[in-house]
PDB file of N, CA and C in Angstrom:
ATOM      1  N   MET A   1    -174.446-111.547  74.867  1.00  0.00           N
ATOM      2  CA  MET A   1    -175.730-111.351  74.725  1.00  0.00           C
ATOM      3  C   MET A   1    -175.835-109.729  74.459  1.00  0.00           C
ATOM      4  N   ALA A   2    -176.138-109.377  73.163  1.00  0.00           N
ATOM      5  CA  ALA A   2    -176.048-107.947  73.006  1.00  0.00           C
ATOM      6  C   ALA A   2    -176.904-107.102  73.800  1.00  0.00           C
ATOM      7  N   ASN A   3    -178.071-107.592  73.933  1.00  0.00           N
ATOM      8  CA  ASN A   3    -179.128-106.678  74.829  1.00  0.00           C
ATOM      9  C   ASN A   3    -179.479-107.413  75.947  1.00  0.00           C
ATOM     10  N   GLY A   4    -178.523-107.774  76.663  1.00  0.00           N
ATOM     11  CA  GLY A   4    -178.741-108.487  77.777  1.00  0.00           C
ATOM     12  C   GLY A   4    -178.987-107.606  78.920  1.00  0.00           C
ATOM     13  N   ALA A   5    -180.049-107.912  79.895  1.00  0.00           N
ATOM     14  CA  ALA A   5    -180.520-107.116  81.080  1.00  0.00           C
ATOM     15  C   ALA A   5    -179.552-107.555  82.220  1.00  0.00           C
ATOM     16  N   MET A   6    -179.196-106.711  83.135  1.00  0.00           N
ATOM     17  CA  MET A   6    -178.505-106.909  84.289  1.00  0.00           C
ATOM     18  C   MET A   6    -179.246-107.291  85.492  1.00  0.00           C
ATOM     19  N   ILE A   7    -179.007-108.307  86.296  1.00  0.00           N
ATOM     20  CA  ILE A   7    -179.562-108.663  87.253  1.00  0.00           C
ATOM     21  C   ILE A   7    -178.655-108.828  88.444  1.00  0.00           C
ATOM     22  N   HIS A   8    -178.925-108.161  89.762  1.00  0.00           N
ATOM     23  CA  HIS A   8    -178.115-108.274  90.909  1.00  0.00           C
ATOM     24  C   HIS A   8    -178.942-109.008  91.877  1.00  0.00           C
ATOM     25  N   ALA A   9    -178.059-109.968  92.594  1.00  0.00           N
ATOM     26  CA  ALA A   9    -178.537-110.673  93.556  1.00  0.00           C
ATOM     27  C   ALA A   9    -177.813-110.791  94.746  1.00  0.00           C
ATOM     28  N   ARG A  10    -178.207-111.136  95.844  1.00  0.00           N
ATOM     29  CA  ARG A  10    -177.376-111.385  96.923  1.00  0.00           C
ATOM     30  C   ARG A  10    -177.602-112.699  97.636  1.00  0.00           C
ATOM     31  N   ILE A  11    -176.510-113.604  98.034  1.00  0.00           N
ATOM     32  CA  ILE A  11    -176.695-114.734  98.460  1.00  0.00           C
ATOM     33  C   ILE A  11    -175.564-115.159  99.457  1.00  0.00           C
ATOM     34  N   ASP A  12    -175.603-115.831 100.460  1.00  0.00           N
ATOM     35  CA  ASP A  12    -174.834-116.057 101.368  1.00  0.00           C
ATOM     36  C   ASP A  12    -173.459-116.607 100.929  1.00  0.00           C
ATOM     37  N   ALA A  13    -172.177-116.424 101.488  1.00  0.00           N
ATOM     38  CA  ALA A  13    -171.026-116.786 101.027  1.00  0.00           C
ATOM     39  C   ALA A  13    -170.954-118.396 100.943  1.00  0.00           C
ATOM     40  N   GLU A  14    -171.430-119.143 101.749  1.00  0.00           N
ATOM     41  CA  GLU A  14    -171.367-120.418 101.896  1.00  0.00           C
ATOM     42  C   GLU A  14    -172.228-121.210 100.708  1.00  0.00           C
ATOM     43  N   THR A  15    -173.481-120.711 100.358  1.00  0.00           N
ATOM     44  CA  THR A  15    -174.224-121.308  99.228  1.00  0.00           C
ATOM     45  C   THR A  15    -173.656-120.816  98.089  1.00  0.00           C
ATOM     46  N   LYS A  16    -173.067-119.778  98.006  1.00  0.00           N
ATOM     47  CA  LYS A  16    -172.251-119.336  96.605  1.00  0.00           C
ATOM     48  C   LYS A  16    -171.092-120.316  96.564  1.00  0.00           C
ATOM     49  N   LYS A  17    -170.282-120.633  97.272  1.00  0.00           N
ATOM     50  CA  LYS A  17    -169.273-121.627  97.292  1.00  0.00           C
ATOM     51  C   LYS A  17    -169.809-122.754  96.935  1.00  0.00           C
ATOM     52  N   GLU A  18    -170.891-123.485  97.586  1.00  0.00           N
ATOM     53  CA  GLU A  18    -171.225-124.712  97.278  1.00  0.00           C
ATOM     54  C   GLU A  18    -171.751-124.803  96.015  1.00  0.00           C
ATOM     55  N   VAL A  19    -172.443-123.870  95.351  1.00  0.00           N
ATOM     56  CA  VAL A  19    -173.100-123.830  94.113  1.00  0.00           C
ATOM     57  C   VAL A  19    -171.902-123.595  93.030  1.00  0.00           C
ATOM     58  N   LYS A  20    -170.935-122.908  93.282  1.00  0.00           N
ATOM     59  CA  LYS A  20    -169.792-122.776  92.354  1.00  0.00           C
ATOM     60  C   LYS A  20    -169.093-124.058  92.331  1.00  0.00           C
ATOM     61  N   ASN A  21    -169.006-124.861  93.245  1.00  0.00           N
ATOM     62  CA  ASN A  21    -168.231-126.039  93.226  1.00  0.00           C
ATOM     63  C   ASN A  21    -168.996-127.095  92.286  1.00  0.00           C
ATOM     64  N   VAL A  22    -170.505-127.202  92.485  1.00  0.00           N
ATOM     65  CA  VAL A  22    -171.292-128.024  91.467  1.00  0.00           C
ATOM     66  C   VAL A  22    -171.280-127.539  90.169  1.00  0.00           C
ATOM     67  N   LEU A  23    -171.301-126.118  89.942  1.00  0.00           N
ATOM     68  CA  LEU A  23    -171.417-125.783  88.545  1.00  0.00           C
ATOM     69  C   LEU A  23    -170.257-125.905  88.023  1.00  0.00           C
ATOM     70  N   ASP A  24    -168.984-125.646  88.511  1.00  0.00           N
ATOM     71  CA  ASP A  24    -167.727-125.992  87.970  1.00  0.00           C
ATOM     72  C   ASP A  24    -167.797-127.546  87.430  1.00  0.00           C
ATOM     73  N   THR A  25    -168.202-128.407  88.372  1.00  0.00           N
ATOM     74  CA  THR A  25    -168.182-129.866  87.835  1.00  0.00           C
ATOM     75  C   THR A  25    -169.139-130.128  86.703  1.00  0.00           C
ATOM     76  N   LEU A  26    -170.156-129.136  86.528  1.00  0.00           N
ATOM     77  CA  LEU A  26    -171.081-129.321  85.311  1.00  0.00           C
ATOM     78  C   LEU A  26    -170.478-128.485  84.115  1.00  0.00           C
ATOM     79  N   GLY A  27    -169.526-127.734  84.166  1.00  0.00           N
ATOM     80  CA  GLY A  27    -168.965-126.858  83.337  1.00  0.00           C
ATOM     81  C   GLY A  27    -169.866-125.869  82.811  1.00  0.00           C
ATOM     82  N   LEU A  28    -170.491-125.181  83.879  1.00  0.00           N
ATOM     83  CA  LEU A  28    -171.185-124.132  83.853  1.00  0.00           C
ATOM     84  C   LEU A  28    -170.709-122.779  84.890  1.00  0.00           C
ATOM     85  N   ASN A  29    -170.904-121.674  84.545  1.00  0.00           N
ATOM     86  CA  ASN A  29    -170.634-120.589  85.255  1.00  0.00           C
ATOM     87  C   ASN A  29    -172.040-120.188  85.875  1.00  0.00           C
ATOM     88  N   MET A  30    -171.732-119.106  86.920  1.00  0.00           N
ATOM     89  CA  MET A  30    -173.070-118.592  87.488  1.00  0.00           C
ATOM     90  C   MET A  30    -174.008-118.014  86.528  1.00  0.00           C
ATOM     91  N   SER A  31    -173.539-117.408  85.745  1.00  0.00           N
ATOM     92  CA  SER A  31    -174.375-116.413  84.722  1.00  0.00           C
ATOM     93  C   SER A  31    -175.203-117.512  83.798  1.00  0.00           C
ATOM     94  N   GLU A  32    -174.334-118.699  83.238  1.00  0.00           N
ATOM     95  CA  GLU A  32    -174.935-119.438  82.542  1.00  0.00           C
ATOM     96  C   GLU A  32    -176.009-120.181  83.355  1.00  0.00           C
ATOM     97  N   ALA A  33    -175.954-120.686  84.521  1.00  0.00           N
ATOM     98  CA  ALA A  33    -176.945-121.501  85.229  1.00  0.00           C
ATOM     99  C   ALA A  33    -177.996-120.472  85.667  1.00  0.00           C
ATOM    100  N   ILE A  34    -178.133-119.379  85.879  1.00  0.00           N
ATOM    101  CA  ILE A  34    -179.067-118.353  86.028  1.00  0.00           C
ATOM    102  C   ILE A  34    -179.822-118.103  84.795  1.00  0.00           C
ATOM    103  N   VAL A  35    -179.160-118.004  83.664  1.00  0.00           N
ATOM    104  CA  VAL A  35    -179.836-117.920  82.142  1.00  0.00           C
ATOM    105  C   VAL A  35    -180.714-119.252  82.143  1.00  0.00           C
ATOM    106  N   LEU A  36    -180.058-120.442  82.364  1.00  0.00           N
ATOM    107  CA  LEU A  36    -180.673-121.447  82.320  1.00  0.00           C
ATOM    108  C   LEU A  36    -182.004-121.687  83.123  1.00  0.00           C
ATOM    109  N   PHE A  37    -181.772-121.377  84.169  1.00  0.00           N
ATOM    110  CA  PHE A  37    -183.046-121.386  85.110  1.00  0.00           C
ATOM    111  C   PHE A  37    -184.058-120.457  84.733  1.00  0.00           C
ATOM    112  N   PHE A  38    -183.811-119.280  84.419  1.00  0.00           N
ATOM    113  CA  PHE A  38    -184.694-118.338  83.908  1.00  0.00           C
ATOM    114  C   PHE A  38    -185.445-118.810  82.631  1.00  0.00           C
ATOM    115  N   ARG A  39    -184.635-119.329  81.463  1.00  0.00           N
ATOM    116  CA  ARG A  39    -185.276-119.878  80.358  1.00  0.00           C
ATOM    117  C   ARG A  39    -186.335-120.978  80.717  1.00  0.00           C
ATOM    118  N   GLN A  40    -185.895-121.880  81.518  1.00  0.00           N
ATOM    119  CA  GLN A  40    -186.776-123.088  82.126  1.00  0.00           C
ATOM    120  C   GLN A  40    -187.974-122.413  82.773  1.00  0.00           C
ATOM    121  N   VAL A  41    -187.946-121.444  83.460  1.00  0.00           N
ATOM    122  CA  VAL A  41    -189.139-120.726  84.133  1.00  0.00           C
ATOM    123  C   VAL A  41    -190.109-120.238  83.101  1.00  0.00           C
ATOM    124  N   ALA A  42    -189.749-119.442  82.124  1.00  0.00           N
ATOM    125  CA  ALA A  42    -190.194-118.928  81.049  1.00  0.00           C
ATOM    126  C   ALA A  42    -190.794-120.020  80.160  1.00  0.00           C
ATOM    127  N   LEU A  43    -190.231-120.990  79.725  1.00  0.00           N
ATOM    128  CA  LEU A  43    -190.677-122.137  78.975  1.00  0.00           C
ATOM    129  C   LEU A  43    -191.832-122.966  79.843  1.00  0.00           C
ATOM    130  N   ARG A  44    -191.713-123.191  80.979  1.00  0.00           N
ATOM    131  CA  ARG A  44    -192.652-123.935  81.680  1.00  0.00           C
ATOM    132  C   ARG A  44    -193.739-123.178  82.270  1.00  0.00           C
ATOM    133  N   LYS A  45    -193.598-121.736  82.380  1.00  0.00           N
ATOM    134  CA  LYS A  45    -194.488-120.702  82.902  1.00  0.00           C
ATOM    135  C   LYS A  45    -194.556-121.101  84.465  1.00  0.00           C
ATOM    136  N   GLY A  46    -193.428-121.259  85.222  1.00  0.00           N
ATOM    137  CA  GLY A  46    -193.404-121.718  86.457  1.00  0.00           C
ATOM    138  C   GLY A  46    -192.118-122.157  87.132  1.00  0.00           C
ATOM    139  N   ILE A  47    -191.895-122.516  88.134  1.00  0.00           N
ATOM    140  CA  ILE A  47    -190.832-122.983  88.553  1.00  0.00           C
ATOM    141  C   ILE A  47    -190.472-124.241  88.154  1.00  0.00           C
ATOM    142  N   PRO A  48    -189.217-124.704  87.662  1.00  0.00           N
ATOM    143  CA  PRO A  48    -189.039-125.970  87.088  1.00  0.00           C
ATOM    144  C   PRO A  48    -188.541-127.080  87.931  1.00  0.00           C
ATOM    145  N   PHE A  49    -189.044-127.217  89.105  1.00  0.00           N
ATOM    146  CA  PHE A  49    -188.928-128.163  89.944  1.00  0.00           C
ATOM    147  C   PHE A  49    -189.814-127.940  91.022  1.00  0.00           C
ATOM    148  N   ASP A  50    -190.182-129.010  91.689  1.00  0.00           N
ATOM    149  CA  ASP A  50    -191.177-129.141  93.084  1.00  0.00           C
ATOM    150  C   ASP A  50    -190.591-128.275  94.074  1.00  0.00           C
ATOM    151  N   ILE A  51    -191.489-127.705  94.891  1.00  0.00           N
ATOM    152  CA  ILE A  51    -190.966-126.828  95.874  1.00  0.00           C
ATOM    153  C   ILE A  51    -191.962-127.140  97.020  1.00  0.00           C
ATOM    154  N   SER A  52    -191.354-127.829  98.070  1.00  0.00           N
ATOM    155  CA  SER A  52    -192.232-128.278  99.020  1.00  0.00           C
ATOM    156  C   SER A  52    -191.449-128.302 100.640  1.00  0.00           C
ATOM    157  N   ILE A  53    -192.412-128.362 101.487  1.00  0.00           N
ATOM    158  CA  ILE A  53    -191.795-128.319 102.729  1.00  0.00           C
ATOM    159  C   ILE A  53    -191.626-130.083 103.289  1.00  0.00           C
ATOM    160  N   PRO A  54    -190.582-130.376 103.584  1.00  0.00           N
ATOM    161  CA  PRO A  54    -190.768-131.804 103.963  1.00  0.00           C
ATOM    162  C   PRO A  54    -191.370-132.254 105.209  1.00  0.00           C
ATOM    163  N   ASN A  55    -192.127-133.341 105.322  1.00  0.00           N
ATOM    164  CA  ASN A  55    -192.572-133.895 106.558  1.00  0.00           C
ATOM    165  C   ASN A  55    -191.574-133.987 107.574  1.00  0.00           C
ATOM    166  N   ASP A  56    -191.951-134.270 108.858  1.00  0.00           N
ATOM    167  CA  ASP A  56    -191.050-134.243 109.829  1.00  0.00           C
ATOM    168  C   ASP A  56    -190.037-135.440 109.675  1.00  0.00           C
ATOM    169  N   ALA A  57    -190.508-136.711 109.308  1.00  0.00           N
ATOM    170  CA  ALA A  57    -189.547-137.773 109.186  1.00  0.00           C
ATOM    171  C   ALA A  57    -188.722-137.459 107.911  1.00  0.00           C
ATOM    172  N   THR A  58    -188.958-136.910 106.911  1.00  0.00           N
ATOM    173  CA  THR A  58    -188.132-136.597 105.854  1.00  0.00           C
ATOM    174  C   THR A  58    -187.195-135.348 106.291  1.00  0.00           C
ATOM    175  N   ALA A  59    -187.450-134.457 107.021  1.00  0.00           N
ATOM    176  CA  ALA A  59    -186.841-133.410 107.343  1.00  0.00           C
ATOM    177  C   ALA A  59    -185.699-134.039 108.475  1.00  0.00           C
ATOM    178  N   SER A  60    -186.053-134.823 109.240  1.00  0.00           N
ATOM    179  CA  SER A  60    -185.267-135.497 110.188  1.00  0.00           C
ATOM    180  C   SER A  60    -184.057-136.253 109.411  1.00  0.00           C
ATOM    181  N   THR A  61    -184.539-137.082 108.522  1.00  0.00           N
ATOM    182  CA  THR A  61    -183.761-137.903 107.764  1.00  0.00           C
ATOM    183  C   THR A  61    -182.722-137.078 106.856  1.00  0.00           C
ATOM    184  N   LEU A  62    -183.205-135.946 106.587  1.00  0.00           N
ATOM    185  CA  LEU A  62    -182.105-135.054 105.506  1.00  0.00           C
ATOM    186  C   LEU A  62    -181.107-134.373 106.611  1.00  0.00           C
ATOM    187  N   ARG A  63    -181.450-134.020 107.845  1.00  0.00           N
ATOM    188  CA  ARG A  63    -180.500-133.378 108.770  1.00  0.00           C
ATOM    189  C   ARG A  63    -179.590-134.532 109.236  1.00  0.00           C
ATOM    190  N   LYS A  64    -180.159-135.855 109.434  1.00  0.00           N
ATOM    191  CA  LYS A  64    -178.939-137.015 109.850  1.00  0.00           C
ATOM    192  C   LYS A  64    -177.945-137.071 108.448  1.00  0.00           C
ATOM    193  N   SER A  65    -178.468-137.177 107.544  1.00  0.00           N
ATOM    194  CA  SER A  65    -177.759-137.454 106.391  1.00  0.00           C
ATOM    195  C   SER A  65    -176.578-136.383 106.163  1.00  0.00           C
ATOM    196  N   LYS A  66    -177.157-135.045 106.260  1.00  0.00           N
ATOM    197  CA  LYS A  66    -176.094-134.023 106.293  1.00  0.00           C
ATOM    198  C   LYS A  66    -175.185-134.250 107.241  1.00  0.00           C
ATOM    199  N   ARG A  67    -175.293-134.559 108.389  1.00  0.00           N
ATOM    200  CA  ARG A  67    -174.244-134.998 109.376  1.00  0.00           C
ATOM    201  C   ARG A  67    -173.584-136.232 109.178  1.00  0.00           C
ATOM    202  N   GLY A  68    -174.106-136.892 108.295  1.00  0.00           N
ATOM    203  CA  GLY A  68    -173.413-138.309 107.891  1.00  0.00           C
ATOM    204  C   GLY A  68    -173.800-139.317 108.851  1.00  0.00           C
ATOM    205  N   LYS A  69    -174.939-139.223 109.675  1.00  0.00           N
ATOM    206  CA  LYS A  69    -175.331-140.275 110.534  1.00  0.00           C
ATOM    207  C   LYS A  69    -176.485-141.009 109.825  1.00  0.00           C
ATOM    208  N   GLU A  70    -176.395-142.252 110.326  1.00  0.00           N
ATOM    209  CA  GLU A  70    -177.585-143.319 109.745  1.00  0.00           C
ATOM    210  C   GLU A  70    -177.501-143.647 108.228  1.00  0.00           C
ATOM    211  N   LEU A  71    -176.358-143.508 107.660  1.00  0.00           N
ATOM    212  CA  LEU A  71    -176.162-143.707 106.244  1.00  0.00           C
ATOM    213  C   LEU A  71    -175.933-145.205 105.916  1.00  0.00           C
ATOM    214  N   HIS A  72    -176.352-145.743 104.867  1.00  0.00           N
ATOM    215  CA  HIS A  72    -176.144-147.017 104.503  1.00  0.00           C
ATOM    216  C   HIS A  72    -175.291-146.964 103.151  1.00  0.00           C
ATOM    217  N   GLU A  73    -174.264-147.760 103.197  1.00  0.00           N
ATOM    218  CA  GLU A  73    -173.119-147.748 102.402  1.00  0.00           C
ATOM    219  C   GLU A  73    -173.151-149.087 101.303  1.00  0.00           C
ATOM    220  N   VAL A  74    -172.927-149.139 100.351  1.00  0.00           N
ATOM    221  CA  VAL A  74    -172.707-150.543  99.575  1.00  0.00           C
ATOM    222  C   VAL A  74    -171.411-150.331  98.556  1.00  0.00           C
ATOM    223  N   SER A  75    -171.009-151.436  98.445  1.00  0.00           N
ATOM    224  CA  SER A  75    -169.564-151.520  97.764  1.00  0.00           C
ATOM    225  C   SER A  75    -169.639-151.039  96.127  1.00  0.00           C
ATOM    226  N   ASP A  76    -170.784-151.394  95.575  1.00  0.00           N
ATOM    227  CA  ASP A  76    -170.994-150.976  94.150  1.00  0.00           C
ATOM    228  C   ASP A  76    -172.431-150.969  93.794  1.00  0.00           C
ATOM    229  N   VAL A  77    -172.834-150.796  92.407  1.00  0.00           N
ATOM    230  CA  VAL A  77    -174.196-150.614  92.144  1.00  0.00           C
ATOM    231  C   VAL A  77    -174.917-151.930  91.995  1.00  0.00           C
ATOM    232  N   ARG A  78    -174.159-153.076  91.729  1.00  0.00           N
ATOM    233  CA  ARG A  78    -174.613-154.351  91.751  1.00  0.00           C
ATOM    234  C   ARG A  78    -175.201-154.520  93.142  1.00  0.00           C
ATOM    235  N   HIS A  79    -174.318-154.707  94.106  1.00  0.00           N
ATOM    236  CA  HIS A  79    -174.655-154.692  95.674  1.00  0.00           C
ATOM    237  C   HIS A  79    -175.912-153.890  95.980  1.00  0.00           C
ATOM    238  N   LEU A  80    -176.085-152.743  95.578  1.00  0.00           N
ATOM    239  CA  LEU A  80    -177.132-151.902  95.709  1.00  0.00           C
ATOM    240  C   LEU A  80    -178.526-152.528  94.992  1.00  0.00           C
ATOM    241  N   MET A  81    -178.492-152.937  93.876  1.00  0.00           N
ATOM    242  CA  MET A  81    -179.510-153.470  93.106  1.00  0.00           C
ATOM    243  C   MET A  81    -180.045-154.770  93.820  1.00  0.00           C
ATOM    244  N   ARG A  82    -179.124-155.683  94.142  1.00  0.00           N
ATOM    245  CA  ARG A  82    -179.315-156.824  95.003  1.00  0.00           C
ATOM    246  C   ARG A  82    -180.109-156.317  96.268  1.00  0.00           C
ATOM    247  N   GLU A  83    -179.779-155.409  96.944  1.00  0.00           N
ATOM    248  CA  GLU A  83    -180.374-155.243  98.171  1.00  0.00           C
ATOM    249  C   GLU A  83    -181.658-154.605  97.943  1.00  0.00           C
ATOM    250  N   LEU A  84    -181.877-153.771  96.911  1.00  0.00           N
ATOM    251  CA  LEU A  84    -183.327-153.110  96.421  1.00  0.00           C
ATOM    252  C   LEU A  84    -184.145-154.184  96.012  1.00  0.00           C
ATOM    253  N   SER A  85    -183.723-155.203  95.562  1.00  0.00           N
ATOM    254  CA  SER A  85    -184.629-156.412  95.009  1.00  0.00           C
ATOM    255  C   SER A  85    -185.130-157.189  95.886  1.00  0.00           C
ATOM    256  N   ASP A  86    -184.445-157.482  97.145  1.00  0.00           N
ATOM    257  CA  ASP A  86    -184.644-158.555  98.267  1.00  0.00           C
ATOM    258  C   ASP A  86    -185.905-157.903  98.928  1.00  0.00           C
TER     259      ASP A  86
END
């Protein structure tokens, strides 16, 4: 980017590590991901995803799943689809 502007941002080390792992899997580096995000903000004239505060039930479920509690596992996609259709 010939006339690129520099942006400096601070983020906690654990979040940076988690994001880097995801971006590595997607084949993106941090700069590419930030450029992608900014381009989407400009294109959509806003944040390109919903931002909301979860209700109590959703927040509780998210905390439990993060701890690996009360998860439901299936052996494969067919099994999942059968369960969803019942």
